[in-house]
Amino acid sequence: MSLLPSATDLLFDLGLGARVVGVSHSCDHPQARSLPVLTRSIVDSAAPQAEIDRAVSDAVREGRALYQVDGPLLDSLNPDLVVTQGVCEVCAVTPGTIEAAVRYLP
């Protein structure tokens, strides 16, 4: 499962696309479009820029994650590996959010 668009691109470019079972809402690789989407942003991307900025700032200040993971879907896909990053909590799902989502996987 890849929750980082650049990693999704790399996995497909390396010929591993058939093994990818799910992606994030921001993955846009053409071959990944039919895969289950496991994440969503808590911020409405269609909102005016000022509203987006306020929503992101509020969530970060309050310690809320900007992205959510579909736990039941994650459970049903049962991935062997979750590819993500821990560099920017505004750009992608954070490791803490993933850890909470995979906590109950076998």
Protein backbone atom coordinates (compact mmCIF):
# COMPACT_ATOMS: atom_id res chain seq x y z
CA MET A 1 0.00 0.00 0.00
CA SER A 2 1.39 3.41 -0.91
CA LEU A 3 0.27 6.57 0.83
CA LEU A 4 2.73 8.86 -0.89
CA PRO A 5 2.23 9.82 -4.56
CA SER A 6 5.94 9.84 -5.42
CA ALA A 7 6.35 6.38 -3.86
CA THR A 8 3.35 5.13 -5.84
CA ASP A 9 5.01 6.39 -9.02
CA LEU A 10 8.26 4.64 -8.07
CA LEU A 11 6.53 1.36 -7.26
CA PHE A 12 4.80 1.33 -10.64
CA ASP A 13 7.98 2.43 -12.46
CA LEU A 14 9.85 -0.45 -10.79
CA GLY A 15 7.26 -2.91 -12.09
CA LEU A 16 5.72 -3.51 -8.67
CA GLY A 17 2.32 -1.98 -9.47
CA ALA A 18 0.54 -5.34 -9.45
CA ARG A 19 1.49 -5.72 -5.79
CA VAL A 20 0.11 -2.32 -4.71
CA VAL A 21 -3.26 -2.96 -3.03
CA GLY A 22 -4.26 0.62 -2.16
CA VAL A 23 -3.21 4.25 -2.42
CA SER A 24 -3.80 7.66 -0.88
CA HIS A 25 -6.35 10.17 -2.10
CA SER A 26 -3.55 12.20 -3.70
CA CYS A 27 -1.92 9.40 -5.69
CA ASP A 28 -2.44 10.16 -9.35
CA HIS A 29 -0.43 7.53 -11.21
CA PRO A 30 -2.58 6.47 -14.19
CA GLN A 31 -2.31 2.77 -13.32
CA ALA A 32 -3.26 3.42 -9.69
CA ARG A 33 -6.58 5.12 -10.46
CA SER A 34 -8.54 1.88 -10.12
CA LEU A 35 -7.05 0.97 -6.72
CA PRO A 36 -8.86 1.45 -3.42
CA VAL A 37 -8.25 4.86 -1.81
CA LEU A 38 -7.42 4.60 1.88
CA THR A 39 -7.06 8.21 2.93
CA ARG A 40 -8.91 11.49 2.85
CA SER A 41 -8.13 15.03 3.89
CA ILE A 42 -10.11 16.68 6.67
CA VAL A 43 -9.83 19.94 4.71
CA ASP A 44 -12.13 20.70 1.79
CA SER A 45 -9.77 21.32 -1.14
CA ALA A 46 -12.53 23.20 -2.99
CA ALA A 47 -12.81 25.80 -0.22
CA PRO A 48 -11.39 29.31 -0.68
CA GLN A 49 -7.65 29.55 0.02
CA ALA A 50 -8.13 31.57 3.22
CA GLU A 51 -10.52 28.94 4.59
CA ILE A 52 -8.07 26.15 3.74
CA ASP A 53 -5.26 28.03 5.45
CA ARG A 54 -7.40 28.59 8.54
CA ALA A 55 -8.50 24.92 8.67
CA VAL A 56 -4.91 23.66 8.34
CA SER A 57 -3.61 26.12 10.92
CA ASP A 58 -6.38 25.23 13.38
CA ALA A 59 -5.82 21.48 12.97
CA VAL A 60 -2.05 21.77 13.42
CA ARG A 61 -2.45 24.06 16.46
CA GLU A 62 -4.95 21.62 18.01
CA GLY A 63 -2.77 18.59 17.26
CA ARG A 64 -5.33 17.03 14.91
CA ALA A 65 -4.19 15.00 11.92
CA LEU A 66 -4.97 16.54 8.53
CA TYR A 67 -5.61 13.15 6.96
CA GLN A 68 -7.70 10.15 7.95
CA VAL A 69 -7.15 6.50 7.09
CA ASP A 70 -10.07 4.18 6.33
CA GLY A 71 -9.37 1.54 8.98
CA PRO A 72 -11.95 -1.04 7.86
CA LEU A 73 -10.71 -0.82 4.26
CA LEU A 74 -7.11 -1.08 5.44
CA ASP A 75 -8.06 -4.16 7.46
CA SER A 76 -9.77 -5.76 4.47
CA LEU A 77 -6.76 -5.13 2.19
CA ASN A 78 -4.31 -6.51 4.78
CA PRO A 79 -1.14 -5.00 3.23
CA ASP A 80 2.29 -6.49 3.86
CA LEU A 81 3.94 -3.07 3.63
CA VAL A 82 2.78 0.54 4.07
CA VAL A 83 4.88 3.06 2.16
CA THR A 84 4.59 6.61 3.52
CA GLN A 85 6.79 9.42 4.84
CA GLY A 86 7.32 11.27 8.07
CA VAL A 87 8.67 14.57 6.79
CA CYS A 88 5.65 16.86 6.56
CA GLU A 89 2.35 16.43 8.40
CA VAL A 90 0.69 18.85 5.99
CA CYS A 91 1.78 16.95 2.85
CA ALA A 92 0.84 13.36 3.69
CA VAL A 93 -0.52 10.99 6.29
CA THR A 94 1.71 11.04 9.36
CA PRO A 95 3.38 7.95 10.81
CA GLY A 96 1.26 8.35 13.96
CA THR A 97 -1.96 8.22 11.96
CA ILE A 98 -0.75 5.09 10.15
CA GLU A 99 0.36 3.46 13.39
CA ALA A 100 -3.09 4.02 14.86
CA ALA A 101 -4.74 2.60 11.73
CA VAL A 102 -2.61 -0.57 11.54
CA ARG A 103 -2.63 -1.24 15.27
CA TYR A 104 -5.29 -3.92 14.97
CA LEU A 105 -4.05 -5.69 11.84
CA PRO A 106 -3.04 -9.32 12.37
